[in-house]
N, C-alpha and C. Protein backbone atom coordinates (compact mmCIF):
# COMPACT_ATOMS: atom_id res chain seq x y z
N MET A 1 2.60 -8.72 15.46
CA MET A 1 3.11 -9.27 14.21
C MET A 1 2.05 -9.24 13.12
N GLU A 2 0.81 -9.50 13.46
CA GLU A 2 -0.27 -9.54 12.48
C GLU A 2 -0.45 -8.20 11.77
N LYS A 3 -0.25 -7.08 12.49
CA LYS A 3 -0.37 -5.76 11.86
C LYS A 3 0.65 -5.59 10.75
N ASN A 4 1.88 -6.08 10.96
CA ASN A 4 2.91 -5.98 9.94
C ASN A 4 2.54 -6.77 8.70
N ILE A 5 2.03 -7.97 8.89
CA ILE A 5 1.62 -8.80 7.77
C ILE A 5 0.48 -8.12 7.02
N CYS A 6 -0.47 -7.57 7.75
CA CYS A 6 -1.61 -6.89 7.15
C CYS A 6 -1.13 -5.70 6.30
N GLY A 7 -0.16 -4.95 6.82
CA GLY A 7 0.37 -3.81 6.08
C GLY A 7 1.06 -4.22 4.80
N VAL A 8 1.84 -5.29 4.86
CA VAL A 8 2.52 -5.80 3.67
C VAL A 8 1.50 -6.26 2.64
N LYS A 9 0.50 -7.00 3.10
CA LYS A 9 -0.53 -7.49 2.18
C LYS A 9 -1.26 -6.33 1.51
N LYS A 10 -1.60 -5.31 2.29
CA LYS A 10 -2.31 -4.16 1.73
C LYS A 10 -1.45 -3.44 0.70
N ALA A 11 -0.18 -3.19 1.04
CA ALA A 11 0.71 -2.51 0.11
C ALA A 11 0.86 -3.30 -1.18
N LEU A 12 1.05 -4.61 -1.05
CA LEU A 12 1.21 -5.44 -2.25
C LEU A 12 -0.07 -5.52 -3.07
N SER A 13 -1.22 -5.46 -2.42
CA SER A 13 -2.48 -5.47 -3.18
C SER A 13 -2.66 -4.17 -3.96
N VAL A 14 -2.12 -3.08 -3.45
CA VAL A 14 -2.23 -1.78 -4.12
C VAL A 14 -1.24 -1.69 -5.29
N ILE A 15 0.01 -2.06 -5.06
CA ILE A 15 1.01 -1.91 -6.12
C ILE A 15 1.17 -3.17 -6.96
N GLY A 16 0.57 -4.27 -6.49
CA GLY A 16 0.68 -5.53 -7.22
C GLY A 16 -0.06 -5.48 -8.54
N GLY A 17 -0.07 -6.56 -9.21
CA GLY A 17 -0.67 -6.60 -10.54
C GLY A 17 0.45 -6.61 -11.56
N LYS A 18 0.14 -7.12 -12.73
CA LYS A 18 1.18 -7.35 -13.72
C LYS A 18 1.91 -6.09 -14.14
N TRP A 19 1.23 -4.96 -14.25
CA TRP A 19 1.84 -3.77 -14.84
C TRP A 19 1.99 -2.59 -13.88
N ARG A 20 1.36 -2.64 -12.73
CA ARG A 20 1.37 -1.45 -11.85
C ARG A 20 2.77 -1.05 -11.41
N ILE A 21 3.59 -2.00 -11.01
CA ILE A 21 4.95 -1.66 -10.57
C ILE A 21 5.74 -1.09 -11.74
N ASP A 22 5.58 -1.67 -12.92
CA ASP A 22 6.28 -1.16 -14.10
C ASP A 22 5.88 0.29 -14.39
N ILE A 23 4.60 0.58 -14.30
CA ILE A 23 4.11 1.94 -14.54
C ILE A 23 4.70 2.89 -13.50
N LEU A 24 4.62 2.51 -12.25
CA LEU A 24 5.15 3.35 -11.18
C LEU A 24 6.65 3.57 -11.33
N TRP A 25 7.38 2.52 -11.70
CA TRP A 25 8.83 2.63 -11.87
C TRP A 25 9.18 3.59 -13.01
N HIS A 26 8.46 3.50 -14.13
CA HIS A 26 8.72 4.41 -15.25
C HIS A 26 8.39 5.85 -14.86
N LEU A 27 7.31 6.04 -14.13
CA LEU A 27 6.96 7.40 -13.70
C LEU A 27 7.97 7.92 -12.68
N ALA A 28 8.56 7.03 -11.90
CA ALA A 28 9.59 7.45 -10.94
C ALA A 28 10.85 7.91 -11.66
N GLN A 29 11.09 7.38 -12.85
CA GLN A 29 12.29 7.74 -13.62
C GLN A 29 12.13 9.06 -14.38
N HIS A 30 10.90 9.54 -14.51
CA HIS A 30 10.60 10.77 -15.25
C HIS A 30 9.69 11.65 -14.40
N SER A 31 9.75 12.93 -14.59
CA SER A 31 8.86 13.80 -13.80
C SER A 31 7.42 13.62 -14.24
N ASN A 32 7.21 13.41 -15.53
CA ASN A 32 5.88 13.11 -16.05
C ASN A 32 6.04 12.43 -17.40
N LEU A 33 5.02 11.69 -17.78
CA LEU A 33 5.03 10.99 -19.05
C LEU A 33 3.67 11.11 -19.71
N ARG A 34 3.69 11.33 -21.00
CA ARG A 34 2.45 11.27 -21.77
C ARG A 34 2.03 9.81 -21.91
N TYR A 35 0.75 9.63 -22.20
CA TYR A 35 0.19 8.29 -22.32
C TYR A 35 0.98 7.45 -23.33
N ASN A 36 1.21 7.98 -24.53
CA ASN A 36 1.88 7.20 -25.57
C ASN A 36 3.33 6.88 -25.21
N ALA A 37 4.02 7.79 -24.54
CA ALA A 37 5.39 7.52 -24.11
C ALA A 37 5.40 6.39 -23.09
N LEU A 38 4.43 6.38 -22.20
CA LEU A 38 4.30 5.32 -21.22
C LEU A 38 4.00 3.99 -21.91
N LYS A 39 3.11 4.04 -22.87
CA LYS A 39 2.75 2.82 -23.62
C LYS A 39 3.96 2.26 -24.35
N ARG A 40 4.76 3.11 -24.97
CA ARG A 40 5.97 2.65 -25.68
C ARG A 40 6.98 2.04 -24.70
N ALA A 41 7.07 2.59 -23.51
CA ALA A 41 8.03 2.10 -22.51
C ALA A 41 7.63 0.73 -21.96
N LEU A 42 6.34 0.44 -21.99
CA LEU A 42 5.82 -0.81 -21.44
C LEU A 42 5.54 -1.80 -22.57
N VAL A 43 6.58 -2.40 -23.08
CA VAL A 43 6.47 -3.29 -24.23
C VAL A 43 5.55 -4.46 -23.90
N GLY A 44 4.54 -4.63 -24.74
CA GLY A 44 3.62 -5.75 -24.59
C GLY A 44 2.31 -5.41 -23.90
N ILE A 45 2.17 -4.22 -23.34
CA ILE A 45 0.93 -3.85 -22.66
C ILE A 45 -0.11 -3.43 -23.70
N THR A 46 -1.35 -3.79 -23.47
CA THR A 46 -2.43 -3.36 -24.36
C THR A 46 -3.01 -2.05 -23.85
N ASN A 47 -3.72 -1.34 -24.72
CA ASN A 47 -4.37 -0.09 -24.32
C ASN A 47 -5.36 -0.33 -23.19
N THR A 48 -6.11 -1.42 -23.29
CA THR A 48 -7.11 -1.73 -22.26
C THR A 48 -6.44 -1.95 -20.90
N THR A 49 -5.37 -2.72 -20.89
CA THR A 49 -4.67 -3.00 -19.63
C THR A 49 -4.01 -1.75 -19.08
N LEU A 50 -3.41 -0.94 -19.96
CA LEU A 50 -2.79 0.30 -19.50
C LEU A 50 -3.84 1.23 -18.90
N ASN A 51 -4.96 1.39 -19.58
CA ASN A 51 -6.03 2.25 -19.06
C ASN A 51 -6.55 1.74 -17.72
N ARG A 52 -6.76 0.45 -17.61
CA ARG A 52 -7.25 -0.13 -16.35
C ARG A 52 -6.24 0.09 -15.23
N SER A 53 -4.97 -0.18 -15.51
CA SER A 53 -3.93 -0.01 -14.49
C SER A 53 -3.79 1.44 -14.07
N LEU A 54 -3.82 2.36 -15.03
CA LEU A 54 -3.74 3.78 -14.71
C LEU A 54 -4.93 4.22 -13.85
N ASN A 55 -6.12 3.75 -14.19
CA ASN A 55 -7.31 4.10 -13.41
C ASN A 55 -7.22 3.56 -11.99
N GLU A 56 -6.68 2.35 -11.83
CA GLU A 56 -6.51 1.79 -10.48
C GLU A 56 -5.51 2.60 -9.68
N LEU A 57 -4.39 2.97 -10.30
CA LEU A 57 -3.38 3.77 -9.61
C LEU A 57 -3.90 5.16 -9.28
N LEU A 58 -4.74 5.71 -10.15
CA LEU A 58 -5.39 7.00 -9.87
C LEU A 58 -6.33 6.86 -8.67
N ALA A 59 -7.07 5.77 -8.62
CA ALA A 59 -8.01 5.54 -7.51
C ALA A 59 -7.27 5.42 -6.18
N TYR A 60 -6.08 4.83 -6.21
CA TYR A 60 -5.26 4.71 -5.00
C TYR A 60 -4.46 5.98 -4.72
N GLN A 61 -4.61 6.97 -5.58
CA GLN A 61 -3.95 8.27 -5.45
C GLN A 61 -2.42 8.17 -5.44
N LEU A 62 -1.91 7.22 -6.22
CA LEU A 62 -0.46 7.08 -6.36
C LEU A 62 0.07 7.84 -7.57
N ILE A 63 -0.83 8.12 -8.52
CA ILE A 63 -0.45 8.90 -9.70
C ILE A 63 -1.44 10.03 -9.91
N HIS A 64 -0.98 11.01 -10.68
CA HIS A 64 -1.80 12.18 -11.01
C HIS A 64 -1.96 12.21 -12.52
N ARG A 65 -3.14 12.56 -12.98
CA ARG A 65 -3.44 12.68 -14.41
C ARG A 65 -3.76 14.13 -14.70
N GLU A 66 -3.05 14.70 -15.67
CA GLU A 66 -3.33 16.07 -16.07
C GLU A 66 -3.64 16.11 -17.56
N GLN A 67 -4.79 16.67 -17.86
CA GLN A 67 -5.22 16.77 -19.26
C GLN A 67 -4.98 18.19 -19.74
N PHE A 68 -4.34 18.30 -20.90
CA PHE A 68 -4.05 19.59 -21.50
C PHE A 68 -4.99 19.80 -22.68
N ASP A 69 -5.80 20.84 -22.58
CA ASP A 69 -6.76 21.13 -23.64
C ASP A 69 -6.14 22.07 -24.66
N VAL A 70 -5.16 21.54 -25.37
CA VAL A 70 -4.50 22.26 -26.45
C VAL A 70 -4.73 21.48 -27.72
N SER A 71 -4.24 21.99 -28.80
CA SER A 71 -4.41 21.27 -30.07
C SER A 71 -3.07 20.69 -30.50
N PRO A 72 -2.90 19.41 -30.60
CA PRO A 72 -3.84 18.36 -30.21
C PRO A 72 -3.82 18.15 -28.69
N PRO A 73 -4.94 17.75 -28.12
CA PRO A 73 -5.00 17.54 -26.67
C PRO A 73 -4.11 16.37 -26.26
N HIS A 74 -3.57 16.43 -25.06
CA HIS A 74 -2.79 15.31 -24.54
C HIS A 74 -2.94 15.21 -23.03
N VAL A 75 -2.51 14.06 -22.52
CA VAL A 75 -2.61 13.76 -21.10
C VAL A 75 -1.22 13.38 -20.61
N GLU A 76 -0.88 13.85 -19.41
CA GLU A 76 0.39 13.48 -18.79
C GLU A 76 0.12 12.85 -17.42
N TYR A 77 0.94 11.89 -17.08
CA TYR A 77 0.85 11.21 -15.79
C TYR A 77 2.12 11.46 -15.00
N SER A 78 1.98 11.56 -13.70
CA SER A 78 3.12 11.75 -12.80
C SER A 78 2.78 11.10 -11.47
N LEU A 79 3.82 10.93 -10.64
CA LEU A 79 3.60 10.38 -9.31
C LEU A 79 3.07 11.47 -8.38
N THR A 80 2.17 11.09 -7.50
CA THR A 80 1.73 11.99 -6.44
C THR A 80 2.75 11.91 -5.30
N ALA A 81 2.54 12.70 -4.27
CA ALA A 81 3.41 12.62 -3.09
C ALA A 81 3.38 11.22 -2.50
N GLU A 82 2.21 10.60 -2.48
CA GLU A 82 2.08 9.22 -1.98
C GLU A 82 2.84 8.25 -2.87
N GLY A 83 2.75 8.44 -4.17
CA GLY A 83 3.46 7.58 -5.10
C GLY A 83 4.97 7.72 -4.97
N LYS A 84 5.44 8.93 -4.70
CA LYS A 84 6.88 9.17 -4.55
C LYS A 84 7.46 8.47 -3.32
N LYS A 85 6.59 8.15 -2.35
CA LYS A 85 7.06 7.41 -1.18
C LYS A 85 7.54 6.00 -1.55
N LEU A 86 7.10 5.50 -2.68
CA LEU A 86 7.49 4.16 -3.13
C LEU A 86 8.87 4.13 -3.78
N ILE A 87 9.39 5.27 -4.20
CA ILE A 87 10.66 5.30 -4.93
C ILE A 87 11.80 4.63 -4.17
N PRO A 88 12.01 4.94 -2.87
CA PRO A 88 13.11 4.25 -2.16
C PRO A 88 12.94 2.73 -2.12
N VAL A 89 11.71 2.28 -2.00
CA VAL A 89 11.44 0.84 -1.98
C VAL A 89 11.82 0.23 -3.33
N PHE A 90 11.40 0.87 -4.42
CA PHE A 90 11.71 0.38 -5.75
C PHE A 90 13.21 0.41 -6.02
N GLU A 91 13.90 1.43 -5.52
CA GLU A 91 15.35 1.52 -5.72
C GLU A 91 16.07 0.38 -5.01
N ILE A 92 15.61 0.03 -3.81
CA ILE A 92 16.20 -1.09 -3.08
C ILE A 92 15.94 -2.40 -3.83
N ILE A 93 14.71 -2.59 -4.28
CA ILE A 93 14.37 -3.81 -5.03
C ILE A 93 15.19 -3.88 -6.31
N ASN A 94 15.35 -2.75 -7.00
CA ASN A 94 16.14 -2.71 -8.22
C ASN A 94 17.59 -3.10 -7.93
N TYR A 95 18.16 -2.54 -6.87
CA TYR A 95 19.53 -2.84 -6.49
C TYR A 95 19.68 -4.33 -6.19
N LEU A 96 18.76 -4.89 -5.41
CA LEU A 96 18.82 -6.31 -5.07
C LEU A 96 18.70 -7.18 -6.32
N GLY A 97 17.81 -6.80 -7.22
CA GLY A 97 17.64 -7.56 -8.45
C GLY A 97 18.88 -7.53 -9.32
N LEU A 98 19.50 -6.36 -9.45
CA LEU A 98 20.74 -6.26 -10.24
C LEU A 98 21.85 -7.07 -9.60
N GLU A 99 21.89 -7.08 -8.28
CA GLU A 99 22.88 -7.88 -7.56
C GLU A 99 22.67 -9.37 -7.85
N MET A 100 21.43 -9.81 -7.88
CA MET A 100 21.12 -11.20 -8.17
C MET A 100 21.55 -11.57 -9.59
N VAL A 101 21.32 -10.67 -10.53
CA VAL A 101 21.71 -10.91 -11.92
C VAL A 101 23.23 -11.07 -12.02
N GLN A 102 23.97 -10.26 -11.29
CA GLN A 102 25.43 -10.34 -11.33
C GLN A 102 25.95 -11.61 -10.67
N LYS A 103 25.28 -12.10 -9.65
CA LYS A 103 25.75 -13.28 -8.92
C LYS A 103 25.47 -14.58 -9.65
N LYS A 104 24.38 -14.64 -10.35
CA LYS A 104 23.96 -15.88 -10.99
C LYS A 104 23.58 -15.61 -12.43
N ASP A 105 24.07 -16.46 -13.31
CA ASP A 105 23.71 -16.34 -14.72
C ASP A 105 22.30 -16.80 -14.98
N THR A 106 21.70 -17.54 -14.04
CA THR A 106 20.36 -18.06 -14.25
C THR A 106 19.30 -16.96 -14.11
N PHE A 107 19.64 -15.87 -13.44
CA PHE A 107 18.73 -14.75 -13.34
C PHE A 107 18.99 -13.80 -14.50
N SER A 108 17.96 -13.32 -15.12
CA SER A 108 18.14 -12.31 -16.16
C SER A 108 16.91 -11.43 -16.20
N CYS A 109 17.04 -10.28 -16.85
CA CYS A 109 15.92 -9.34 -16.93
C CYS A 109 15.04 -9.62 -18.12
């Protein structure tokens, strides 16, 4: 039983944090996103927090960063194969959350 708890704790420590799940969910909805498109999608996030969260997700190898050296230069982010493994989990959580919203008026997004 302890191994299961350890696995859950580890997974939550990797994807946890205020913005990481939001970032991963938005990237799951698109094949790739430029930095500014991601920033616009995450209402209320600061540049510092977005950069820190992206760097953490890059370190965990859940997202990929590709820099295009064109004029003007831009960067795109996408999920790695490891990051894509989270999509079914997020879809289940999304379904459960929407179900909760429909059942009770006290829950809202």
